[in-house]
Amino acid sequence: MGLPVFDVNMCPEDMDKMAESAVQASNFLKAISHEGRLMILCHLASGEKSVTELETLLSARQAAVSQQLSRLRLEGLVTPRRDGKTIFYSLTDDRPKKIMEVVYDLFCRENSAAPTT
């Protein structure tokens, strides 16, 4: 699947839809543009985790993990679930997982080479 071709002949409605989609995409990319949030999404891509599990996996303090989860929650990327005193988080939909798969393929696979400039 390739990208669509955009040109000056697009109707105003399609241009408006494209601009609205660009805002949504920009907000999504801003939300994941922090290494801590990327790592959280990476861990959640394999399934639901408690805040304590994420703290351990990230070797991070509870306050730092909670702050990043709050941003991801605000952007609608993660969903909390309470079980007694424990709060679990999971991905809201497949968008973050799909992005994490692309990021992994580009930057983390053993055979991937860092881009040279």
C-alpha atoms as a PDB file:
ATOM      1  CA  MET A   1       0.000   0.000   0.000  1.00  0.00           C
ATOM      2  CA  GLY A   2       1.457   3.324  -1.054  1.00  0.00           C
ATOM      3  CA  LEU A   3       0.725   6.876  -0.097  1.00  0.00           C
ATOM      4  CA  PRO A   4      -2.019   8.694  -1.995  1.00  0.00           C
ATOM      5  CA  VAL A   5      -1.078  11.408  -4.435  1.00  0.00           C
ATOM      6  CA  PHE A   6      -2.052  14.876  -3.294  1.00  0.00           C
ATOM      7  CA  ASP A   7      -2.248  17.720  -5.757  1.00  0.00           C
ATOM      8  CA  VAL A   8      -3.815  21.114  -6.393  1.00  0.00           C
ATOM      9  CA  ASN A   9      -6.855  19.486  -8.004  1.00  0.00           C
ATOM     10  CA  MET A  10      -8.115  18.065  -4.694  1.00  0.00           C
ATOM     11  CA  CYS A  11     -11.559  19.241  -3.680  1.00  0.00           C
ATOM     12  CA  PRO A  12     -11.821  21.478  -0.589  1.00  0.00           C
ATOM     13  CA  GLU A  13     -13.568  18.732   1.417  1.00  0.00           C
ATOM     14  CA  ASP A  14     -10.678  16.313   0.827  1.00  0.00           C
ATOM     15  CA  MET A  15      -8.170  19.030   1.762  1.00  0.00           C
ATOM     16  CA  ASP A  16     -10.112  19.662   4.996  1.00  0.00           C
ATOM     17  CA  LYS A  17     -10.143  15.935   5.788  1.00  0.00           C
ATOM     18  CA  MET A  18      -6.415  15.764   5.115  1.00  0.00           C
ATOM     19  CA  ALA A  19      -5.738  18.741   7.404  1.00  0.00           C
ATOM     20  CA  GLU A  20      -7.845  17.194  10.176  1.00  0.00           C
ATOM     21  CA  SER A  21      -6.007  13.887   9.802  1.00  0.00           C
ATOM     22  CA  ALA A  22      -2.688  15.741   9.923  1.00  0.00           C
ATOM     23  CA  VAL A  23      -3.648  17.284  13.278  1.00  0.00           C
ATOM     24  CA  GLN A  24      -4.621  13.877  14.666  1.00  0.00           C
ATOM     25  CA  ALA A  25      -1.411  12.276  13.379  1.00  0.00           C
ATOM     26  CA  SER A  26       0.693  15.121  14.763  1.00  0.00           C
ATOM     27  CA  ASN A  27      -0.876  14.773  18.221  1.00  0.00           C
ATOM     28  CA  PHE A  28      -0.328  11.014  18.126  1.00  0.00           C
ATOM     29  CA  LEU A  29       3.323  11.406  17.121  1.00  0.00           C
ATOM     30  CA  LYS A  30       3.913  14.043  19.817  1.00  0.00           C
ATOM     31  CA  ALA A  31       2.474  11.670  22.412  1.00  0.00           C
ATOM     32  CA  ILE A  32       4.899   8.893  21.491  1.00  0.00           C
ATOM     33  CA  SER A  33       7.917  11.174  20.938  1.00  0.00           C
ATOM     34  CA  HIS A  34       9.407  10.534  24.394  1.00  0.00           C
ATOM     35  CA  GLU A  35      11.660   7.554  25.098  1.00  0.00           C
ATOM     36  CA  GLY A  36       9.813   6.734  28.327  1.00  0.00           C
ATOM     37  CA  ARG A  37       6.446   6.700  26.588  1.00  0.00           C
ATOM     38  CA  LEU A  38       7.877   4.641  23.725  1.00  0.00           C
ATOM     39  CA  MET A  39       9.183   2.073  26.197  1.00  0.00           C
ATOM     40  CA  ILE A  40       5.828   1.927  27.994  1.00  0.00           C
ATOM     41  CA  LEU A  41       4.026   1.361  24.689  1.00  0.00           C
ATOM     42  CA  CYS A  42       6.575  -1.286  23.750  1.00  0.00           C
ATOM     43  CA  HIS A  43       5.882  -3.182  26.981  1.00  0.00           C
ATOM     44  CA  LEU A  44       2.115  -2.766  26.669  1.00  0.00           C
ATOM     45  CA  ALA A  45       2.206  -4.056  23.078  1.00  0.00           C
ATOM     46  CA  SER A  46       2.714  -7.533  24.565  1.00  0.00           C
ATOM     47  CA  GLY A  47      -0.248  -7.172  26.935  1.00  0.00           C
ATOM     48  CA  GLU A  48      -1.659  -5.487  29.990  1.00  0.00           C
ATOM     49  CA  LYS A  49       0.790  -4.468  32.746  1.00  0.00           C
ATOM     50  CA  SER A  50       0.383  -3.022  36.221  1.00  0.00           C
ATOM     51  CA  VAL A  51       2.049   0.259  37.119  1.00  0.00           C
ATOM     52  CA  THR A  52       4.374  -1.712  39.436  1.00  0.00           C
ATOM     53  CA  GLU A  53       5.340  -4.067  36.584  1.00  0.00           C
ATOM     54  CA  LEU A  54       6.098  -1.082  34.352  1.00  0.00           C
ATOM     55  CA  GLU A  55       8.217   0.521  37.096  1.00  0.00           C
ATOM     56  CA  THR A  56      10.263  -2.678  37.327  1.00  0.00           C
ATOM     57  CA  LEU A  57      10.560  -3.175  33.566  1.00  0.00           C
ATOM     58  CA  LEU A  58      11.633   0.448  33.046  1.00  0.00           C
ATOM     59  CA  SER A  59      13.769   0.709  36.200  1.00  0.00           C
ATOM     60  CA  ALA A  60      11.919   3.952  36.860  1.00  0.00           C
ATOM     61  CA  ARG A  61      10.266   5.619  39.822  1.00  0.00           C
ATOM     62  CA  GLN A  62       6.505   5.429  40.210  1.00  0.00           C
ATOM     63  CA  ALA A  63       6.128   9.193  39.737  1.00  0.00           C
ATOM     64  CA  ALA A  64       7.938   9.130  36.381  1.00  0.00           C
ATOM     65  CA  VAL A  65       5.960   6.135  35.104  1.00  0.00           C
ATOM     66  CA  SER A  66       2.673   7.660  36.269  1.00  0.00           C
ATOM     67  CA  GLN A  67       3.471  10.952  34.551  1.00  0.00           C
ATOM     68  CA  GLN A  68       4.119   9.217  31.221  1.00  0.00           C
ATOM     69  CA  LEU A  69       1.033   7.019  31.601  1.00  0.00           C
ATOM     70  CA  SER A  70      -1.016  10.136  32.290  1.00  0.00           C
ATOM     71  CA  ARG A  71       0.091  11.679  28.993  1.00  0.00           C
ATOM     72  CA  LEU A  72      -0.606   8.466  27.075  1.00  0.00           C
ATOM     73  CA  ARG A  73      -4.012   8.238  28.732  1.00  0.00           C
ATOM     74  CA  LEU A  74      -4.800  11.886  27.911  1.00  0.00           C
ATOM     75  CA  GLU A  75      -4.040  11.143  24.250  1.00  0.00           C
ATOM     76  CA  GLY A  76      -6.278   8.066  24.328  1.00  0.00           C
ATOM     77  CA  LEU A  77      -3.465   5.574  23.710  1.00  0.00           C
ATOM     78  CA  VAL A  78      -3.767   3.593  26.949  1.00  0.00           C
ATOM     79  CA  THR A  79      -6.680   2.551  29.129  1.00  0.00           C
ATOM     80  CA  PRO A  80      -6.517   1.964  32.890  1.00  0.00           C
ATOM     81  CA  ARG A  81      -8.244  -0.824  34.799  1.00  0.00           C
ATOM     82  CA  ARG A  82      -8.369  -0.984  38.584  1.00  0.00           C
ATOM     83  CA  ASP A  83      -8.274  -4.272  40.475  1.00  0.00           C
ATOM     84  CA  GLY A  84      -8.341  -3.471  44.187  1.00  0.00           C
ATOM     85  CA  LYS A  85      -5.379  -1.186  44.841  1.00  0.00           C
ATOM     86  CA  THR A  86      -3.592  -2.178  41.638  1.00  0.00           C
ATOM     87  CA  ILE A  87      -3.984  -0.221  38.404  1.00  0.00           C
ATOM     88  CA  PHE A  88      -3.353  -2.050  35.155  1.00  0.00           C
ATOM     89  CA  TYR A  89      -2.828  -0.396  31.771  1.00  0.00           C
ATOM     90  CA  SER A  90      -3.401  -1.711  28.274  1.00  0.00           C
ATOM     91  CA  LEU A  91      -3.363  -0.252  24.777  1.00  0.00           C
ATOM     92  CA  THR A  92      -6.658   1.366  23.801  1.00  0.00           C
ATOM     93  CA  ASP A  93      -6.443   0.118  20.202  1.00  0.00           C
ATOM     94  CA  ASP A  94      -3.944  -1.297  17.681  1.00  0.00           C
ATOM     95  CA  ARG A  95      -2.456   2.031  16.498  1.00  0.00           C
ATOM     96  CA  PRO A  96       0.371   2.139  19.067  1.00  0.00           C
ATOM     97  CA  LYS A  97       1.205  -1.526  18.497  1.00  0.00           C
ATOM     98  CA  LYS A  98       1.412  -1.008  14.733  1.00  0.00           C
ATOM     99  CA  ILE A  99       3.707   1.995  15.211  1.00  0.00           C
ATOM    100  CA  MET A 100       5.858   0.079  17.705  1.00  0.00           C
ATOM    101  CA  GLU A 101       6.258  -2.726  15.160  1.00  0.00           C
ATOM    102  CA  VAL A 102       7.479  -0.234  12.544  1.00  0.00           C
ATOM    103  CA  VAL A 103       9.821   1.464  15.043  1.00  0.00           C
ATOM    104  CA  TYR A 104      11.159  -1.946  16.060  1.00  0.00           C
ATOM    105  CA  ASP A 105      11.744  -2.926  12.434  1.00  0.00           C
ATOM    106  CA  LEU A 106      13.520   0.360  11.687  1.00  0.00           C
ATOM    107  CA  PHE A 107      15.623   0.763  14.826  1.00  0.00           C
ATOM    108  CA  CYS A 108      15.768  -2.413  16.911  1.00  0.00           C
ATOM    109  CA  ARG A 109      15.999  -5.458  14.667  1.00  0.00           C
ATOM    110  CA  GLU A 110      19.387  -7.089  14.854  1.00  0.00           C
ATOM    111  CA  ASN A 111      20.022  -6.667  11.143  1.00  0.00           C
ATOM    112  CA  SER A 112      18.847  -3.066  10.906  1.00  0.00           C
ATOM    113  CA  ALA A 113      21.561  -0.555  10.285  1.00  0.00           C
ATOM    114  CA  ALA A 114      21.525   2.945  11.649  1.00  0.00           C
ATOM    115  CA  PRO A 115      21.036   5.516   8.908  1.00  0.00           C
ATOM    116  CA  THR A 116      24.189   7.236   7.773  1.00  0.00           C
ATOM    117  CA  THR A 117      24.360  10.847   6.798  1.00  0.00           C
END
